[in-house]
Amino acid sequence: MSQIKAVIVEDSRLARNELKELIKGYPQIEVIGEAENVDDGFALINEEHPDLLFLDINMPEKDGFELLEMLDEVPITIFTTAFDEYAIKSFEYNALDYLLKPINEKRFAQAIEKVEEKLSKNTEATTKENTERLTGNSQIFIKDGEKCWLIKVGDISHFEIVGNYTRVFFQDEKPMLYKSLNQVEEKLPEKYFFRANRQQIINTNFITNVVPWFNGKLKLTMANGEEIEVSRRQSYLFKDKMSL
């Protein structure tokens, strides 16, 4: 496996040093930067584009979850926390792993094994189709109320406008993303996603049926059974995109 570029965002210098000592036992991991607060961490991640992020949850001013909300694309993330019950409650969906402080060597080894497995499965994860857009394997972070998700873009079936925000549909979940649908559309991979109408963007991989509809429109059935109407103008573009 090629070198894994890692960043540490942790307010405690002692904790950062302990992590770096553990990482020394894994020559495939290179620590390319560290930050002691969310804002510095945000700048560092956007500049360096690491493969792996070691992230403390509780930090002064802004916490680790706020950092993830600020990022358009989230690296593979291992959370570090001193609060067991808080961690378990928070990681409701698809978190790669979390480590309790003080971190023991066995648990650290298990976490790194998960990182390597994930990177080997997602060979696209470090390859940009377009420097401005995400890929199907890109991870995004969503926090809605007390629940948090780390979700792969390709696993999202569709997006829908709700006021000034966007509802995200994946599996049986439909949390709110606090960005406009237009902002979301600018980052999505065009290979998979299509603007069906003013209110909805769909992942074409989740379409199970297409039927002609009124006035030159199309009606799509998604994998979850939901029916989505494609506007007349977009129906022409959809046929061209899908070679119908």
Protein backbone atom coordinates (compact mmCIF):
# COMPACT_ATOMS: atom_id res chain seq x y z
CA MET A 1 0.00 0.00 0.00
CA SER A 2 1.20 3.51 -0.78
CA GLN A 3 1.98 6.01 1.97
CA ILE A 4 -1.01 7.10 4.06
CA LYS A 5 -0.93 10.85 4.69
CA ALA A 6 -2.28 11.70 8.16
CA VAL A 7 -3.22 14.87 10.02
CA ILE A 8 -3.79 15.21 13.79
CA VAL A 9 -6.26 17.77 15.16
CA GLU A 10 -6.03 17.74 18.95
CA ASP A 11 -5.80 20.58 21.46
CA SER A 12 -3.55 18.71 23.90
CA ARG A 13 0.16 18.68 23.00
CA LEU A 14 0.64 15.60 25.20
CA ALA A 15 -2.11 13.73 23.36
CA ARG A 16 -0.63 14.74 19.98
CA ASN A 17 2.79 13.47 21.05
CA GLU A 18 1.31 10.18 22.30
CA LEU A 19 -0.42 9.67 18.96
CA LYS A 20 2.78 10.40 17.04
CA GLU A 21 4.65 7.85 19.17
CA LEU A 22 2.05 5.20 18.30
CA ILE A 23 2.21 6.12 14.62
CA LYS A 24 5.99 5.62 14.59
CA GLY A 25 5.28 1.88 14.68
CA TYR A 26 3.52 2.14 11.29
CA PRO A 27 5.97 3.25 8.58
CA GLN A 28 3.15 3.33 6.02
CA ILE A 29 1.65 6.35 7.85
CA GLU A 30 3.20 9.80 7.45
CA VAL A 31 2.05 12.63 9.71
CA ILE A 32 2.04 15.63 7.38
CA GLY A 33 0.64 18.16 9.84
CA GLU A 34 -1.02 18.82 13.18
CA ALA A 35 -3.31 21.48 14.60
CA GLU A 36 -4.49 22.36 18.08
CA ASN A 37 -7.89 23.84 17.17
CA VAL A 38 -10.68 23.52 14.63
CA ASP A 39 -9.90 26.59 12.51
CA ASP A 40 -6.24 25.64 12.09
CA GLY A 41 -7.28 22.07 11.40
CA PHE A 42 -9.73 23.21 8.71
CA ALA A 43 -7.00 25.22 6.94
CA LEU A 44 -4.52 22.35 7.21
CA ILE A 45 -6.91 19.75 5.78
CA ASN A 46 -7.91 21.97 2.86
CA GLU A 47 -4.25 22.64 2.08
CA GLU A 48 -2.86 19.11 2.47
CA HIS A 49 -5.84 16.84 1.56
CA PRO A 50 -4.83 14.02 3.93
CA ASP A 51 -6.01 10.42 3.60
CA LEU A 52 -6.48 10.04 7.36
CA LEU A 53 -7.58 12.38 10.16
CA PHE A 54 -7.08 11.77 13.88
CA LEU A 55 -9.68 14.06 15.45
CA ASP A 56 -10.32 15.02 19.06
CA ILE A 57 -14.01 15.58 19.84
CA ASN A 58 -13.83 18.01 22.75
CA MET A 59 -11.80 21.11 21.99
CA PRO A 60 -12.21 24.72 23.14
CA GLU A 61 -14.37 27.11 21.09
CA LYS A 62 -15.34 24.56 18.39
CA ASP A 63 -15.54 20.78 18.72
CA GLY A 64 -14.52 18.04 16.31
CA PHE A 65 -18.02 17.65 14.89
CA GLU A 66 -18.04 21.31 13.90
CA LEU A 67 -14.81 20.77 11.98
CA LEU A 68 -16.37 17.91 10.01
CA GLU A 69 -19.41 20.08 9.21
CA MET A 70 -17.07 22.74 7.77
CA LEU A 71 -15.44 20.31 5.32
CA ASP A 72 -16.86 19.58 1.87
CA GLU A 73 -15.03 16.26 1.80
CA VAL A 74 -14.07 14.38 4.96
CA PRO A 75 -10.91 12.24 5.12
CA ILE A 76 -11.09 8.81 6.71
CA THR A 77 -11.55 9.82 10.33
CA ILE A 78 -10.58 8.19 13.62
CA PHE A 79 -12.10 10.05 16.54
CA THR A 80 -10.23 10.36 19.82
CA THR A 81 -12.17 10.98 23.01
CA ALA A 82 -11.95 10.63 26.77
CA PHE A 83 -15.71 10.10 27.04
CA ASP A 84 -16.83 6.55 26.25
CA GLU A 85 -20.59 7.06 26.56
CA TYR A 86 -20.44 10.29 24.52
CA ALA A 87 -18.57 8.59 21.71
CA ILE A 88 -20.91 5.63 21.52
CA LYS A 89 -23.97 7.88 21.50
CA SER A 90 -22.59 10.16 18.83
CA PHE A 91 -21.34 7.72 16.22
CA GLU A 92 -24.73 6.57 15.01
CA TYR A 93 -23.74 5.70 11.48
CA ASN A 94 -20.70 4.57 9.52
CA ALA A 95 -17.96 6.08 11.67
CA LEU A 96 -14.74 4.25 10.89
CA ASP A 97 -13.57 4.03 14.51
CA TYR A 98 -12.99 5.92 17.74
CA LEU A 99 -10.22 5.57 20.28
CA LEU A 100 -10.59 6.17 23.99
CA LYS A 101 -7.86 8.11 25.76
CA PRO A 102 -5.38 7.00 26.90
CA ILE A 103 -5.07 5.01 23.67
CA ASN A 104 -3.72 1.49 24.01
CA GLU A 105 -1.55 -0.12 21.34
CA LYS A 106 -3.90 -3.02 20.57
CA ARG A 107 -6.89 -0.75 19.87
CA PHE A 108 -4.71 1.55 17.81
CA ALA A 109 -3.55 -1.40 15.69
CA GLN A 110 -7.16 -2.44 15.11
CA ALA A 111 -8.07 1.08 13.99
CA ILE A 112 -5.17 1.24 11.52
CA GLU A 113 -6.19 -2.14 10.11
CA LYS A 114 -9.65 -0.69 9.40
CA VAL A 115 -8.06 2.30 7.67
CA GLU A 116 -6.00 0.06 5.40
CA GLU A 117 -9.01 -2.10 4.55
CA LYS A 118 -11.08 0.94 3.68
CA LEU A 119 -8.36 2.45 1.49
CA SER A 120 -7.80 -0.82 -0.35
CA LYS A 121 -11.54 -1.16 -1.09
CA ASN A 122 -11.98 2.44 -2.19
CA THR A 123 -9.24 2.89 -4.75
CA GLU A 124 -10.98 6.03 -6.07
CA ALA A 125 -10.91 7.66 -2.66
CA THR A 126 -7.65 9.51 -3.27
CA THR A 127 -8.16 10.13 -6.99
CA LYS A 128 -10.10 13.25 -8.02
CA GLU A 129 -12.26 13.06 -11.16
CA ASN A 130 -12.36 16.84 -10.99
CA THR A 131 -10.50 19.01 -8.51
CA GLU A 132 -13.70 20.94 -7.79
CA ARG A 133 -16.04 17.95 -7.38
CA LEU A 134 -16.40 14.99 -5.07
CA THR A 135 -16.24 11.38 -6.28
CA GLY A 136 -18.63 8.53 -5.55
CA ASN A 137 -16.24 7.35 -2.82
CA SER A 138 -15.87 10.75 -1.15
CA GLN A 139 -17.11 10.92 2.43
CA ILE A 140 -19.31 13.72 3.73
CA PHE A 141 -20.31 14.45 7.32
CA ILE A 142 -23.91 15.24 8.28
CA LYS A 143 -25.09 16.29 11.73
CA ASP A 144 -28.81 16.71 12.32
CA GLY A 145 -29.81 17.29 15.93
CA GLU A 146 -28.06 14.75 18.14
CA LYS A 147 -27.34 12.28 15.33
CA CYS A 148 -24.22 12.18 13.15
CA TRP A 149 -23.36 10.31 9.97
CA LEU A 150 -20.27 9.81 7.85
CA ILE A 151 -21.73 8.78 4.50
CA LYS A 152 -20.18 7.92 1.14
CA VAL A 153 -21.53 10.18 -1.62
CA GLY A 154 -22.29 7.19 -3.86
CA ASP A 155 -24.58 5.71 -1.19
CA ILE A 156 -26.94 8.71 -1.29
CA SER A 157 -30.05 8.08 -3.43
CA HIS A 158 -31.24 11.67 -3.77
CA PHE A 159 -31.35 15.20 -2.37
CA GLU A 160 -34.42 17.40 -1.90
CA ILE A 161 -34.99 21.09 -1.12
CA VAL A 162 -36.50 21.90 2.27
CA GLY A 163 -36.71 25.69 2.55
CA ASN A 164 -33.16 27.04 2.40
CA TYR A 165 -31.65 23.65 3.26
CA THR A 166 -31.39 20.17 1.75
CA ARG A 167 -32.70 16.79 2.88
CA VAL A 168 -30.37 13.85 2.18
CA PHE A 169 -31.78 10.36 1.51
CA PHE A 170 -29.70 7.22 2.15
CA GLN A 171 -30.76 3.79 3.42
CA ASP A 172 -33.66 4.52 5.81
CA GLU A 173 -32.27 7.89 6.86
CA LYS A 174 -33.20 11.40 5.69
CA PRO A 175 -31.31 14.01 7.75
CA MET A 176 -31.04 17.70 6.93
CA LEU A 177 -27.88 19.18 5.43
CA TYR A 178 -27.52 22.88 6.18
CA LYS A 179 -26.54 23.87 2.64
CA SER A 180 -28.71 24.87 -0.31
CA LEU A 181 -29.40 22.37 -3.09
CA ASN A 182 -27.44 24.56 -5.50
CA GLN A 183 -24.39 24.45 -3.21
CA VAL A 184 -24.69 20.68 -3.01
CA GLU A 185 -25.06 20.31 -6.79
CA GLU A 186 -21.81 22.20 -7.43
CA LYS A 187 -19.83 19.50 -5.59
CA LEU A 188 -21.59 16.30 -6.72
CA PRO A 189 -20.01 14.00 -9.33
CA GLU A 190 -21.88 14.54 -12.60
CA LYS A 191 -21.26 10.91 -13.53
CA TYR A 192 -23.85 9.76 -10.96
CA PHE A 193 -26.08 12.69 -10.07
CA PHE A 194 -28.73 14.45 -12.13
CA ARG A 195 -30.98 17.45 -11.42
CA ALA A 196 -34.46 15.99 -11.96
CA ASN A 197 -36.34 19.23 -11.25
CA ARG A 198 -35.99 22.42 -9.24
CA GLN A 199 -36.53 20.54 -5.97
CA GLN A 200 -34.60 17.28 -6.37
CA ILE A 201 -31.25 15.80 -7.44
CA ILE A 202 -31.12 12.04 -7.98
CA ASN A 203 -28.42 9.39 -8.02
CA THR A 204 -29.05 7.55 -11.30
CA ASN A 205 -27.69 4.31 -9.80
CA PHE A 206 -30.79 4.14 -7.58
CA ILE A 207 -33.37 4.36 -10.39
CA THR A 208 -35.38 1.14 -10.76
CA ASN A 209 -37.98 2.23 -13.32
CA VAL A 210 -38.60 5.01 -15.87
CA VAL A 211 -41.99 5.67 -17.50
CA PRO A 212 -43.26 8.43 -19.84
CA TRP A 213 -45.39 11.01 -18.03
CA PHE A 214 -47.60 13.92 -18.97
CA ASN A 215 -46.48 16.76 -21.30
CA GLY A 216 -43.20 15.13 -22.28
CA LYS A 217 -42.11 14.53 -18.70
CA LEU A 218 -40.72 11.33 -17.18
CA LYS A 219 -41.52 9.64 -13.89
CA LEU A 220 -38.75 7.76 -12.10
CA THR A 221 -39.10 5.14 -9.40
CA MET A 222 -36.21 5.04 -6.92
CA ALA A 223 -34.91 1.98 -5.08
CA ASN A 224 -36.76 3.01 -1.91
CA GLY A 225 -40.06 3.12 -3.83
CA GLU A 226 -40.28 6.90 -4.01
CA GLU A 227 -41.52 8.34 -7.32
CA ILE A 228 -39.82 11.45 -8.71
CA GLU A 229 -41.11 13.53 -11.60
CA VAL A 230 -38.54 14.85 -14.06
CA SER A 231 -39.40 18.27 -15.48
CA ARG A 232 -40.02 18.53 -19.22
CA ARG A 233 -36.76 20.33 -19.92
CA GLN A 234 -34.74 17.96 -17.74
CA SER A 235 -36.42 14.94 -19.32
CA TYR A 236 -34.72 15.73 -22.63
CA LEU A 237 -31.37 16.04 -20.86
CA PHE A 238 -32.00 12.84 -18.90
CA LYS A 239 -32.72 10.86 -22.08
CA ASP A 240 -29.51 12.16 -23.60
CA LYS A 241 -27.51 11.39 -20.45
CA MET A 242 -28.89 7.87 -20.17
CA SER A 243 -28.85 7.28 -23.97
CA LEU A 244 -32.57 6.60 -24.09
